[in-house]
Every structure is written in C-alpha cells, then in structure tokens.
Protein backbone atom coordinates (compact mmCIF):
# COMPACT_ATOMS: atom_id res chain seq x y z
CA UNK A 1 169.47 -2.31 -113.81
CA UNK A 2 169.32 1.02 -115.65
CA UNK A 3 168.65 2.87 -112.40
CA UNK A 4 171.75 1.28 -110.85
CA UNK A 5 173.87 2.46 -113.77
CA UNK A 6 172.45 5.99 -113.49
CA UNK A 7 173.12 6.09 -109.73
CA UNK A 8 176.71 4.89 -110.21
CA UNK A 9 177.36 7.42 -112.96
CA UNK A 10 176.01 10.25 -110.80
CA UNK A 11 178.18 9.08 -107.90
CA UNK A 12 181.30 9.04 -110.06
CA UNK A 13 180.50 12.46 -111.53
CA UNK A 14 179.96 14.05 -108.14
CA UNK A 15 183.26 12.61 -106.90
CA UNK A 16 185.07 13.95 -109.98
CA UNK A 17 183.58 17.42 -109.57
CA UNK A 18 184.47 17.51 -105.89
CA UNK A 19 188.06 16.41 -106.53
CA UNK A 20 188.50 18.89 -109.39
CA UNK A 21 187.30 21.79 -107.25
CA UNK A 22 189.77 20.87 -104.49
CA UNK A 23 192.66 20.67 -106.98
CA UNK A 24 191.69 24.00 -108.56
CA UNK A 25 191.54 25.70 -105.16
CA UNK A 26 195.00 24.40 -104.26
CA UNK A 27 196.46 25.55 -107.60
CA UNK A 28 194.92 29.02 -107.25
CA UNK A 29 196.67 29.49 -103.91
CA UNK A 30 200.10 28.49 -105.28
CA UNK A 31 202.44 31.39 -106.01
CA UNK A 32 204.34 30.66 -109.20
CA UNK A 33 205.41 34.20 -110.04
CA UNK A 34 209.11 34.99 -110.02
CA UNK A 35 210.14 37.90 -107.87
CA UNK A 36 213.84 38.56 -107.77
CA UNK A 37 213.78 39.20 -104.01
CA UNK A 38 212.75 35.60 -103.28
CA UNK A 39 214.95 33.95 -105.92
CA UNK A 40 218.50 32.76 -105.44
CA UNK A 41 220.90 34.34 -107.90
CA UNK A 42 223.20 31.83 -109.53
CA UNK A 43 226.18 32.34 -111.74
CA UNK A 44 226.47 34.42 -114.87
CA UNK A 45 226.06 32.38 -118.04
CA UNK A 46 226.27 32.91 -121.78
CA UNK A 47 223.09 32.38 -123.78
CA UNK A 48 223.62 31.51 -127.44
CA UNK A 49 220.80 32.37 -129.86
CA UNK A 50 220.91 30.81 -133.32
CA UNK A 51 218.87 31.73 -136.37
CA UNK A 52 216.62 28.72 -137.12
CA UNK A 53 219.15 26.28 -135.58
CA UNK A 54 221.74 27.21 -138.17
CA UNK A 55 225.01 29.00 -137.70
CA UNK A 56 224.17 31.80 -140.12
CA UNK A 57 223.51 34.26 -137.30
CA UNK A 58 224.68 33.68 -133.73
CA UNK A 59 224.14 36.11 -130.84
CA UNK A 60 225.85 35.61 -127.47
CA UNK A 61 224.16 37.31 -124.53
CA UNK A 62 225.39 37.40 -120.93
CA UNK A 63 222.56 36.37 -118.59
CA UNK A 64 222.11 35.96 -114.85
CA UNK A 65 220.51 32.73 -113.67
CA UNK A 66 217.82 32.85 -110.97
CA UNK A 67 216.22 29.87 -109.25
CA UNK A 68 212.90 30.46 -107.48
CA UNK A 69 211.86 28.73 -104.28
CA UNK A 70 209.44 26.54 -106.22
CA UNK A 71 212.28 25.12 -108.34
CA UNK A 72 211.92 27.09 -111.58
CA UNK A 73 215.00 28.52 -113.30
CA UNK A 74 214.82 31.92 -114.99
CA UNK A 75 217.38 33.86 -116.99
CA UNK A 76 217.70 37.64 -117.16
CA UNK A 77 220.03 39.64 -119.35
CA UNK A 78 222.98 40.92 -117.33
CA UNK A 79 222.85 44.60 -116.44
CA UNK A 80 226.58 44.93 -117.03
CA UNK A 81 225.87 44.86 -120.78
CA UNK A 82 223.60 47.88 -120.57
CA UNK A 83 220.55 45.77 -121.22
CA UNK A 84 217.12 47.29 -121.00
CA UNK A 85 215.45 44.71 -118.77
C-alpha cells in the first residue's frame, strides 16, 4: 500500500513540474512591455492626485491615455505641459 502511495505522489509531482514548465515557457515568450509605437493613443484626460485621500493638496495633471495590444491601459503626462517624460 505504501508503495502505491509513493508511486501516485511521484506521478502527480512529475505532472505538476511538467505543467509548470510549460506555463513558464509560455509566459516568458509573452511581450508585456509598452512601446508607444504599438499602442493606440486615446483621448487626453485629467489625472487628479490627492494628498492621502484628503483635499488638503490636489494636483491636476493632463495625461495621454495609451492602450496596448494586450489590453493594458497606460497614462503618460502630456507633452503640451512641458513635462519631462
């Protein structure tokens, strides 16, 4: 009985290792970096930054919205403001 348990555990472990290596290989090949040349530029938006969720200090910044081909949304400070991006 103990040998059967050991064999089953080894079988499950080898399957898990094999599956994990396949998933890791697929993730390594996925490009998740944002490059502005392959992102669609959306509209200009206003980003509001509050100090510790209070209204004691509020900064409004004009940002451009970019959506990458993999579905992520990024914001970049608008160049019209003279931002150093």
